[in-house]
Amino acid sequence: MWIRIVSLIARLGLAAVWLVSGWIKFSDPTQTIVAVRAYQLLPGDFVRPVAAGLPVLEIVLGLLLLIGMAVRPVAAVSAAVLVTLIVAIVSAWARGLSIDCGCFGGGGPADVDDWDFAREVARDLGFLALSAWLIVFPRSPAALGPRSRPASSAIAQPSMAE
């Protein structure tokens, strides 16, 4: 039973992260473009589509986790997105860029130090741990998805032939 409670907390926690992060980016698309551009990883033609798509992806992931649909696949996509974000942050850090990650709004040039980058990576590793937990233990209370909610403990009744 405790595993399902931890799964519920992980699912709702990760849903909150995606919904807050996605909504902040969605609400300020210009700043999201600045944040994506600041990483200097994408050709100019890809900055706007990524800046437009990332908040939508985050909101969709958050909503699916919130209602408990397709928890294992959504957790796997979440893990892939988080690994990508961690790699981008580490890349900016290794290249000596002085940028705010833009993970929860803002982004772009900023006065940051090694501790700021380390804290961002550690935070995202924590979110990645939540995703990993949900990949292994996707079932939790109040989930709507058939493979995401706990299996019924009731014994199935044979159907009656007419």
N, C-alpha and C. Protein backbone atom coordinates (compact mmCIF):
# COMPACT_ATOMS: atom_id res chain seq x y z
N MET A 1 0.83 -1.21 0.00
CA MET A 1 0.00 0.00 0.00
C MET A 1 0.86 1.26 0.00
N TRP A 2 1.99 1.24 0.73
CA TRP A 2 2.82 2.43 0.81
C TRP A 2 3.41 2.79 -0.55
N ILE A 3 3.65 1.78 -1.39
CA ILE A 3 4.19 2.05 -2.73
C ILE A 3 3.19 2.89 -3.53
N ARG A 4 1.92 2.56 -3.41
CA ARG A 4 0.90 3.30 -4.16
C ARG A 4 0.76 4.73 -3.64
N ILE A 5 0.94 4.91 -2.35
CA ILE A 5 0.90 6.27 -1.78
C ILE A 5 2.09 7.09 -2.29
N VAL A 6 3.28 6.49 -2.29
CA VAL A 6 4.46 7.18 -2.83
C VAL A 6 4.24 7.48 -4.31
N SER A 7 3.65 6.55 -5.04
CA SER A 7 3.37 6.78 -6.46
C SER A 7 2.40 7.94 -6.66
N LEU A 8 1.40 8.02 -5.80
CA LEU A 8 0.45 9.14 -5.88
C LEU A 8 1.16 10.46 -5.63
N ILE A 9 2.01 10.50 -4.62
CA ILE A 9 2.75 11.73 -4.31
C ILE A 9 3.69 12.08 -5.46
N ALA A 10 4.37 11.08 -6.02
CA ALA A 10 5.28 11.32 -7.15
C ALA A 10 4.50 11.81 -8.37
N ARG A 11 3.37 11.19 -8.64
CA ARG A 11 2.55 11.56 -9.80
C ARG A 11 2.03 12.99 -9.68
N LEU A 12 1.48 13.32 -8.52
CA LEU A 12 0.94 14.67 -8.33
C LEU A 12 2.05 15.71 -8.26
N GLY A 13 3.17 15.35 -7.64
CA GLY A 13 4.30 16.28 -7.57
C GLY A 13 4.87 16.59 -8.94
N LEU A 14 5.08 15.55 -9.74
CA LEU A 14 5.60 15.76 -11.10
C LEU A 14 4.58 16.49 -11.96
N ALA A 15 3.30 16.19 -11.77
CA ALA A 15 2.26 16.91 -12.51
C ALA A 15 2.32 18.40 -12.18
N ALA A 16 2.48 18.73 -10.91
CA ALA A 16 2.57 20.14 -10.51
C ALA A 16 3.78 20.82 -11.14
N VAL A 17 4.90 20.13 -11.16
CA VAL A 17 6.11 20.70 -11.77
C VAL A 17 5.86 21.03 -13.24
N TRP A 18 5.32 20.07 -13.98
CA TRP A 18 5.07 20.29 -15.41
C TRP A 18 4.03 21.37 -15.64
N LEU A 19 2.96 21.37 -14.86
CA LEU A 19 1.91 22.37 -15.06
C LEU A 19 2.40 23.78 -14.75
N VAL A 20 3.11 23.95 -13.67
CA VAL A 20 3.62 25.27 -13.30
C VAL A 20 4.65 25.73 -14.33
N SER A 21 5.61 24.87 -14.61
CA SER A 21 6.66 25.22 -15.57
C SER A 21 6.08 25.54 -16.94
N GLY A 22 5.18 24.68 -17.41
CA GLY A 22 4.58 24.89 -18.73
C GLY A 22 3.73 26.14 -18.79
N TRP A 23 2.94 26.39 -17.74
CA TRP A 23 2.06 27.55 -17.75
C TRP A 23 2.87 28.85 -17.74
N ILE A 24 3.93 28.89 -16.95
CA ILE A 24 4.76 30.10 -16.90
C ILE A 24 5.37 30.37 -18.27
N LYS A 25 5.88 29.34 -18.93
CA LYS A 25 6.47 29.52 -20.26
C LYS A 25 5.40 29.89 -21.29
N PHE A 26 4.25 29.23 -21.21
CA PHE A 26 3.15 29.49 -22.14
C PHE A 26 2.64 30.93 -22.00
N SER A 27 2.64 31.44 -20.78
CA SER A 27 2.14 32.78 -20.50
C SER A 27 3.07 33.88 -21.00
N ASP A 28 4.33 33.56 -21.19
CA ASP A 28 5.29 34.57 -21.63
C ASP A 28 6.15 34.00 -22.76
N PRO A 29 5.57 33.85 -23.96
CA PRO A 29 6.30 33.21 -25.06
C PRO A 29 7.57 33.94 -25.48
N THR A 30 7.57 35.26 -25.36
CA THR A 30 8.77 36.02 -25.75
C THR A 30 9.94 35.66 -24.83
N GLN A 31 9.68 35.59 -23.53
CA GLN A 31 10.74 35.24 -22.59
C GLN A 31 11.18 33.79 -22.78
N THR A 32 10.27 32.93 -23.17
CA THR A 32 10.62 31.53 -23.43
C THR A 32 11.56 31.45 -24.63
N ILE A 33 11.33 32.25 -25.65
CA ILE A 33 12.23 32.30 -26.81
C ILE A 33 13.62 32.76 -26.36
N VAL A 34 13.67 33.78 -25.52
CA VAL A 34 14.95 34.28 -25.00
C VAL A 34 15.68 33.18 -24.24
N ALA A 35 14.93 32.44 -23.42
CA ALA A 35 15.53 31.37 -22.62
C ALA A 35 16.10 30.26 -23.51
N VAL A 36 15.32 29.83 -24.50
CA VAL A 36 15.78 28.76 -25.39
C VAL A 36 17.00 29.23 -26.19
N ARG A 37 16.95 30.45 -26.69
CA ARG A 37 18.06 31.00 -27.48
C ARG A 37 19.34 31.10 -26.64
N ALA A 38 19.21 31.41 -25.35
CA ALA A 38 20.37 31.63 -24.48
C ALA A 38 21.26 30.39 -24.36
N TYR A 39 20.69 29.22 -24.53
CA TYR A 39 21.49 27.99 -24.43
C TYR A 39 22.46 27.83 -25.61
N GLN A 40 22.19 28.50 -26.71
CA GLN A 40 23.05 28.46 -27.89
C GLN A 40 23.28 27.03 -28.38
N LEU A 41 22.23 26.23 -28.35
CA LEU A 41 22.33 24.84 -28.79
C LEU A 41 21.60 24.57 -30.10
N LEU A 42 20.63 25.40 -30.42
CA LEU A 42 19.78 25.16 -31.59
C LEU A 42 20.06 26.17 -32.69
N PRO A 43 19.96 25.75 -33.95
CA PRO A 43 20.01 26.72 -35.03
C PRO A 43 18.84 27.70 -34.87
N GLY A 44 19.03 28.90 -35.33
CA GLY A 44 18.03 29.95 -35.17
C GLY A 44 16.63 29.57 -35.61
N ASP A 45 16.52 28.77 -36.68
CA ASP A 45 15.20 28.38 -37.20
C ASP A 45 14.44 27.45 -36.25
N PHE A 46 15.14 26.82 -35.33
CA PHE A 46 14.49 25.88 -34.41
C PHE A 46 14.13 26.48 -33.06
N VAL A 47 14.64 27.67 -32.77
CA VAL A 47 14.41 28.27 -31.45
C VAL A 47 12.92 28.53 -31.22
N ARG A 48 12.27 29.18 -32.15
CA ARG A 48 10.83 29.50 -31.96
C ARG A 48 9.95 28.25 -31.86
N PRO A 49 10.12 27.26 -32.76
CA PRO A 49 9.28 26.06 -32.61
C PRO A 49 9.51 25.33 -31.28
N VAL A 50 10.73 25.25 -30.83
CA VAL A 50 11.01 24.60 -29.54
C VAL A 50 10.40 25.42 -28.41
N ALA A 51 10.57 26.74 -28.47
CA ALA A 51 10.01 27.62 -27.43
C ALA A 51 8.49 27.56 -27.41
N ALA A 52 7.87 27.32 -28.56
CA ALA A 52 6.41 27.21 -28.61
C ALA A 52 5.94 25.82 -28.18
N GLY A 53 6.68 24.80 -28.54
CA GLY A 53 6.27 23.43 -28.26
C GLY A 53 6.54 22.96 -26.85
N LEU A 54 7.63 23.42 -26.26
CA LEU A 54 8.00 22.95 -24.92
C LEU A 54 6.92 23.22 -23.87
N PRO A 55 6.37 24.43 -23.79
CA PRO A 55 5.32 24.64 -22.78
C PRO A 55 4.09 23.78 -23.01
N VAL A 56 3.73 23.57 -24.27
CA VAL A 56 2.56 22.74 -24.57
C VAL A 56 2.84 21.30 -24.13
N LEU A 57 4.02 20.79 -24.44
CA LEU A 57 4.40 19.45 -24.02
C LEU A 57 4.34 19.33 -22.50
N GLU A 58 4.90 20.31 -21.79
CA GLU A 58 4.91 20.27 -20.33
C GLU A 58 3.49 20.29 -19.76
N ILE A 59 2.62 21.09 -20.32
CA ILE A 59 1.24 21.16 -19.83
C ILE A 59 0.51 19.84 -20.10
N VAL A 60 0.71 19.27 -21.27
CA VAL A 60 0.07 17.99 -21.58
C VAL A 60 0.58 16.90 -20.64
N LEU A 61 1.89 16.84 -20.41
CA LEU A 61 2.44 15.86 -19.46
C LEU A 61 1.84 16.06 -18.07
N GLY A 62 1.75 17.31 -17.65
CA GLY A 62 1.20 17.61 -16.33
C GLY A 62 -0.26 17.20 -16.21
N LEU A 63 -1.05 17.49 -17.23
CA LEU A 63 -2.48 17.13 -17.18
C LEU A 63 -2.67 15.61 -17.17
N LEU A 64 -1.91 14.91 -18.00
CA LEU A 64 -2.02 13.44 -18.03
C LEU A 64 -1.62 12.83 -16.68
N LEU A 65 -0.58 13.35 -16.08
CA LEU A 65 -0.18 12.85 -14.76
C LEU A 65 -1.22 13.21 -13.70
N LEU A 66 -1.76 14.39 -13.79
CA LEU A 66 -2.76 14.84 -12.81
C LEU A 66 -3.97 13.90 -12.79
N ILE A 67 -4.45 13.53 -13.97
CA ILE A 67 -5.62 12.66 -14.02
C ILE A 67 -5.25 11.18 -13.97
N GLY A 68 -3.97 10.87 -14.12
CA GLY A 68 -3.54 9.48 -14.01
C GLY A 68 -3.80 8.65 -15.25
N MET A 69 -3.57 9.24 -16.40
CA MET A 69 -3.72 8.51 -17.67
C MET A 69 -2.34 8.18 -18.23
N ALA A 70 -2.15 6.93 -18.63
CA ALA A 70 -0.90 6.49 -19.25
C ALA A 70 0.31 6.90 -18.43
N VAL A 71 0.26 6.63 -17.14
CA VAL A 71 1.30 7.12 -16.23
C VAL A 71 2.68 6.62 -16.63
N ARG A 72 2.83 5.33 -16.92
CA ARG A 72 4.16 4.82 -17.26
C ARG A 72 4.71 5.48 -18.53
N PRO A 73 3.96 5.53 -19.64
CA PRO A 73 4.51 6.20 -20.82
C PRO A 73 4.77 7.70 -20.60
N VAL A 74 3.88 8.36 -19.87
CA VAL A 74 4.07 9.79 -19.60
C VAL A 74 5.32 9.99 -18.73
N ALA A 75 5.53 9.10 -17.77
CA ALA A 75 6.73 9.18 -16.94
C ALA A 75 7.99 8.96 -17.78
N ALA A 76 7.91 8.07 -18.76
CA ALA A 76 9.06 7.83 -19.63
C ALA A 76 9.35 9.06 -20.49
N VAL A 77 8.32 9.68 -21.03
CA VAL A 77 8.53 10.92 -21.80
C VAL A 77 9.06 12.01 -20.87
N SER A 78 8.53 12.09 -19.67
CA SER A 78 9.02 13.07 -18.69
C SER A 78 10.50 12.86 -18.42
N ALA A 79 10.90 11.60 -18.25
CA ALA A 79 12.31 11.29 -18.01
C ALA A 79 13.17 11.74 -19.18
N ALA A 80 12.70 11.48 -20.40
CA ALA A 80 13.47 11.89 -21.58
C ALA A 80 13.60 13.41 -21.66
N VAL A 81 12.52 14.12 -21.37
CA VAL A 81 12.57 15.59 -21.38
C VAL A 81 13.52 16.08 -20.30
N LEU A 82 13.44 15.50 -19.11
CA LEU A 82 14.32 15.92 -18.01
C LEU A 82 15.79 15.65 -18.32
N VAL A 83 16.09 14.50 -18.91
CA VAL A 83 17.47 14.21 -19.29
C VAL A 83 17.96 15.25 -20.30
N THR A 84 17.10 15.59 -21.26
CA THR A 84 17.46 16.61 -22.25
C THR A 84 17.73 17.95 -21.57
N LEU A 85 16.88 18.34 -20.63
CA LEU A 85 17.07 19.61 -19.93
C LEU A 85 18.34 19.58 -19.08
N ILE A 86 18.61 18.46 -18.43
CA ILE A 86 19.83 18.34 -17.62
C ILE A 86 21.06 18.47 -18.50
N VAL A 87 21.04 17.79 -19.65
CA VAL A 87 22.17 17.88 -20.59
C VAL A 87 22.35 19.32 -21.06
N ALA A 88 21.26 20.02 -21.34
CA ALA A 88 21.36 21.41 -21.79
C ALA A 88 21.95 22.30 -20.69
N ILE A 89 21.52 22.10 -19.46
CA ILE A 89 22.05 22.89 -18.34
C ILE A 89 23.54 22.61 -18.14
N VAL A 90 23.90 21.32 -18.14
CA VAL A 90 25.31 20.96 -17.97
C VAL A 90 26.15 21.51 -19.12
N SER A 91 25.61 21.48 -20.32
CA SER A 91 26.32 22.03 -21.48
C SER A 91 26.57 23.53 -21.32
N ALA A 92 25.54 24.26 -20.90
CA ALA A 92 25.70 25.71 -20.68
C ALA A 92 26.73 25.96 -19.59
N TRP A 93 26.68 25.18 -18.53
CA TRP A 93 27.62 25.29 -17.41
C TRP A 93 29.04 25.01 -17.89
N ALA A 94 29.24 23.93 -18.65
CA ALA A 94 30.57 23.55 -19.13
C ALA A 94 31.14 24.57 -20.10
N ARG A 95 30.25 25.22 -20.86
CA ARG A 95 30.73 26.22 -21.83
C ARG A 95 30.91 27.60 -21.22
N GLY A 96 30.66 27.70 -19.92
CA GLY A 96 30.87 28.96 -19.22
C GLY A 96 29.82 30.02 -19.50
N LEU A 97 28.65 29.60 -19.97
CA LEU A 97 27.58 30.57 -20.21
C LEU A 97 27.04 31.05 -18.87
N SER A 98 26.65 32.28 -18.82
CA SER A 98 26.07 32.84 -17.61
C SER A 98 24.60 33.13 -17.91
N ILE A 99 23.78 32.05 -17.75
CA ILE A 99 22.36 32.18 -18.09
C ILE A 99 21.50 31.57 -16.97
N ASP A 100 20.31 32.11 -16.88
CA ASP A 100 19.27 31.52 -16.03
C ASP A 100 18.68 30.38 -16.85
N CYS A 101 18.40 29.25 -16.24
CA CYS A 101 17.93 28.09 -17.01
C CYS A 101 16.59 28.34 -17.68
N GLY A 102 15.75 29.21 -17.11
CA GLY A 102 14.43 29.45 -17.70
C GLY A 102 13.47 28.32 -17.43
N CYS A 103 13.81 27.45 -16.52
CA CYS A 103 12.97 26.28 -16.24
C CYS A 103 11.60 26.66 -15.68
N PHE A 104 11.57 27.69 -14.87
CA PHE A 104 10.31 28.17 -14.29
C PHE A 104 10.15 29.65 -14.59
N GLY A 105 10.25 29.98 -15.86
CA GLY A 105 10.14 31.37 -16.29
C GLY A 105 11.50 32.03 -16.33
N GLY A 106 11.51 33.24 -16.81
CA GLY A 106 12.78 33.95 -16.93
C GLY A 106 13.63 33.31 -18.00
N GLY A 107 14.90 33.26 -17.73
CA GLY A 107 15.83 32.68 -18.69
C GLY A 107 16.61 33.76 -19.39
N GLY A 108 17.66 33.35 -20.05
CA GLY A 108 18.50 34.29 -20.75
C GLY A 108 19.70 34.68 -19.91
N PRO A 109 20.43 35.69 -20.36
CA PRO A 109 21.63 36.10 -19.62
C PRO A 109 21.31 36.46 -18.17
N ALA A 110 22.17 36.02 -17.27
CA ALA A 110 21.96 36.28 -15.85
C ALA A 110 23.29 36.14 -15.12
N ASP A 111 23.36 36.71 -13.96
CA ASP A 111 24.56 36.60 -13.13
C ASP A 111 24.43 35.35 -12.28
N VAL A 112 25.00 34.25 -12.75
CA VAL A 112 24.90 32.97 -12.05
C VAL A 112 26.31 32.43 -11.80
N ASP A 113 26.39 31.49 -10.87
CA ASP A 113 27.67 30.86 -10.58
C ASP A 113 27.51 29.34 -10.62
N ASP A 114 28.59 28.64 -10.29
CA ASP A 114 28.56 27.19 -10.33
C ASP A 114 27.48 26.61 -9.42
N TRP A 115 27.27 27.24 -8.26
CA TRP A 115 26.27 26.75 -7.32
C TRP A 115 24.87 26.80 -7.94
N ASP A 116 24.58 27.84 -8.71
CA ASP A 116 23.27 27.95 -9.36
C ASP A 116 23.05 26.80 -10.34
N PHE A 117 24.07 26.50 -11.15
CA PHE A 117 23.95 25.39 -12.09
C PHE A 117 23.82 24.07 -11.36
N ALA A 118 24.63 23.87 -10.32
CA ALA A 118 24.58 22.62 -9.55
C ALA A 118 23.19 22.43 -8.92
N ARG A 119 22.64 23.50 -8.40
CA ARG A 119 21.30 23.43 -7.78
C ARG A 119 20.24 23.07 -8.82
N GLU A 120 20.33 23.65 -10.02
CA GLU A 120 19.36 23.35 -11.07
C GLU A 120 19.46 21.89 -11.51
N VAL A 121 20.68 21.39 -11.65
CA VAL A 121 20.88 19.99 -12.04
C VAL A 121 20.36 19.08 -10.93
N ALA A 122 20.67 19.39 -9.68
CA ALA A 122 20.19 18.55 -8.57
C ALA A 122 18.67 18.53 -8.52
N ARG A 123 18.04 19.68 -8.70
CA ARG A 123 16.58 19.75 -8.70
C ARG A 123 16.00 18.87 -9.81
N ASP A 124 16.57 18.98 -11.01
CA ASP A 124 16.05 18.19 -12.12
C ASP A 124 16.34 16.70 -11.95
N LEU A 125 17.44 16.35 -11.28
CA LEU A 125 17.70 14.95 -10.96
C LEU A 125 16.63 14.42 -9.99
N GLY A 126 16.19 15.27 -9.08
CA GLY A 126 15.09 14.89 -8.19
C GLY A 126 13.82 14.63 -8.97
N PHE A 127 13.50 15.50 -9.93
CA PHE A 127 12.33 15.29 -10.77
C PHE A 127 12.49 14.02 -11.62
N LEU A 128 13.71 13.77 -12.06
CA LEU A 128 13.99 12.55 -12.82
C LEU A 128 13.76 11.31 -11.95
N ALA A 129 14.11 11.40 -10.68
CA ALA A 129 13.86 10.29 -9.76
C ALA A 129 12.36 10.02 -9.63
N LEU A 130 11.55 11.08 -9.59
CA LEU A 130 10.09 10.89 -9.56
C LEU A 130 9.62 10.17 -10.82
N SER A 131 10.15 10.56 -11.97
CA SER A 131 9.79 9.90 -13.23
C SER A 131 10.18 8.43 -13.19
N ALA A 132 11.40 8.16 -12.73
CA ALA A 132 11.87 6.77 -12.67
C ALA A 132 10.97 5.94 -11.75
N TRP A 133 10.59 6.51 -10.61
CA TRP A 133 9.69 5.80 -9.70
C TRP A 133 8.39 5.44 -10.42
N LEU A 134 7.83 6.40 -11.15
CA LEU A 134 6.55 6.17 -11.83
C LEU A 134 6.67 5.19 -13.00
N ILE A 135 7.84 5.09 -13.58
CA ILE A 135 8.04 4.09 -14.63
C ILE A 135 7.97 2.69 -14.01
N VAL A 136 8.55 2.55 -12.84
CA VAL A 136 8.57 1.25 -12.16
C VAL A 136 7.24 0.96 -11.45
N PHE A 137 6.68 1.98 -10.80
CA PHE A 137 5.44 1.83 -10.02
C PHE A 137 4.38 2.83 -10.48
N PRO A 138 3.76 2.60 -11.63
CA PRO A 138 2.83 3.59 -12.18
C PRO A 138 1.46 3.62 -11.51
N ARG A 139 1.10 2.58 -10.79
CA ARG A 139 -0.26 2.51 -10.22
C ARG A 139 -0.38 3.32 -8.95
N SER A 140 -1.44 4.14 -8.89
CA SER A 140 -1.67 4.96 -7.70
C SER A 140 -3.17 5.25 -7.57
N PRO A 141 -3.59 5.59 -6.36
CA PRO A 141 -5.01 5.92 -6.15
C PRO A 141 -5.42 7.13 -6.99
N ALA A 142 -6.69 7.18 -7.35
CA ALA A 142 -7.30 8.29 -8.07
C ALA A 142 -6.78 8.44 -9.50
N ALA A 143 -6.15 7.40 -10.02
CA ALA A 143 -5.72 7.43 -11.42
C ALA A 143 -6.86 6.93 -12.30
N LEU A 144 -7.05 7.56 -13.44
CA LEU A 144 -8.14 7.17 -14.33
C LEU A 144 -7.74 6.11 -15.34
N GLY A 145 -6.48 6.04 -15.68
CA GLY A 145 -6.03 5.08 -16.68
C GLY A 145 -6.13 3.65 -16.18
N PRO A 146 -6.56 2.73 -17.05
CA PRO A 146 -6.75 1.34 -16.62
C PRO A 146 -5.46 0.68 -16.15
N ARG A 147 -4.32 1.07 -16.67
CA ARG A 147 -3.05 0.49 -16.23
C ARG A 147 -2.32 1.39 -15.25
N SER A 148 -3.01 2.43 -14.82
CA SER A 148 -2.42 3.37 -13.88
C SER A 148 -3.07 3.32 -12.51
N ARG A 149 -4.30 2.82 -12.45
CA ARG A 149 -4.98 2.74 -11.16
C ARG A 149 -4.70 1.37 -10.56
N PRO A 150 -4.79 1.29 -9.24
CA PRO A 150 -4.54 0.01 -8.58
C PRO A 150 -5.54 -1.05 -9.06
N ALA A 151 -5.07 -2.27 -9.15
CA ALA A 151 -5.95 -3.36 -9.55
C ALA A 151 -7.01 -3.56 -8.48
N SER A 152 -8.20 -3.89 -8.91
CA SER A 152 -9.30 -4.10 -7.97
C SER A 152 -9.03 -5.34 -7.15
N SER A 153 -9.35 -5.27 -5.88
CA SER A 153 -9.13 -6.42 -5.01
C SER A 153 -10.34 -7.34 -4.99
N ALA A 154 -11.42 -6.88 -5.65
CA ALA A 154 -12.62 -7.72 -5.69
C ALA A 154 -12.41 -8.90 -6.64
N ILE A 155 -12.99 -10.02 -6.29
CA ILE A 155 -12.89 -11.19 -7.13
C ILE A 155 -13.89 -11.03 -8.28
N ALA A 156 -13.41 -11.25 -9.49
CA ALA A 156 -14.28 -11.10 -10.66
C ALA A 156 -15.37 -12.14 -10.62
N GLN A 157 -16.59 -11.72 -10.93
CA GLN A 157 -17.73 -12.60 -10.95
C GLN A 157 -17.89 -13.17 -12.35
N PRO A 158 -18.15 -14.48 -12.45
CA PRO A 158 -18.36 -15.05 -13.79
C PRO A 158 -19.63 -14.47 -14.39
N SER A 159 -19.63 -14.27 -15.70
CA SER A 159 -20.82 -13.73 -16.33
C SER A 159 -21.88 -14.83 -16.40
N MET A 160 -23.11 -14.41 -16.32
CA MET A 160 -24.21 -15.36 -16.32
C MET A 160 -24.67 -15.58 -17.76
N ALA A 161 -24.75 -16.82 -18.16
CA ALA A 161 -25.23 -17.15 -19.50
C ALA A 161 -26.75 -17.07 -19.52
N GLU A 162 -27.26 -16.49 -20.54
CA GLU A 162 -28.73 -16.37 -20.61
C GLU A 162 -29.33 -17.48 -21.37
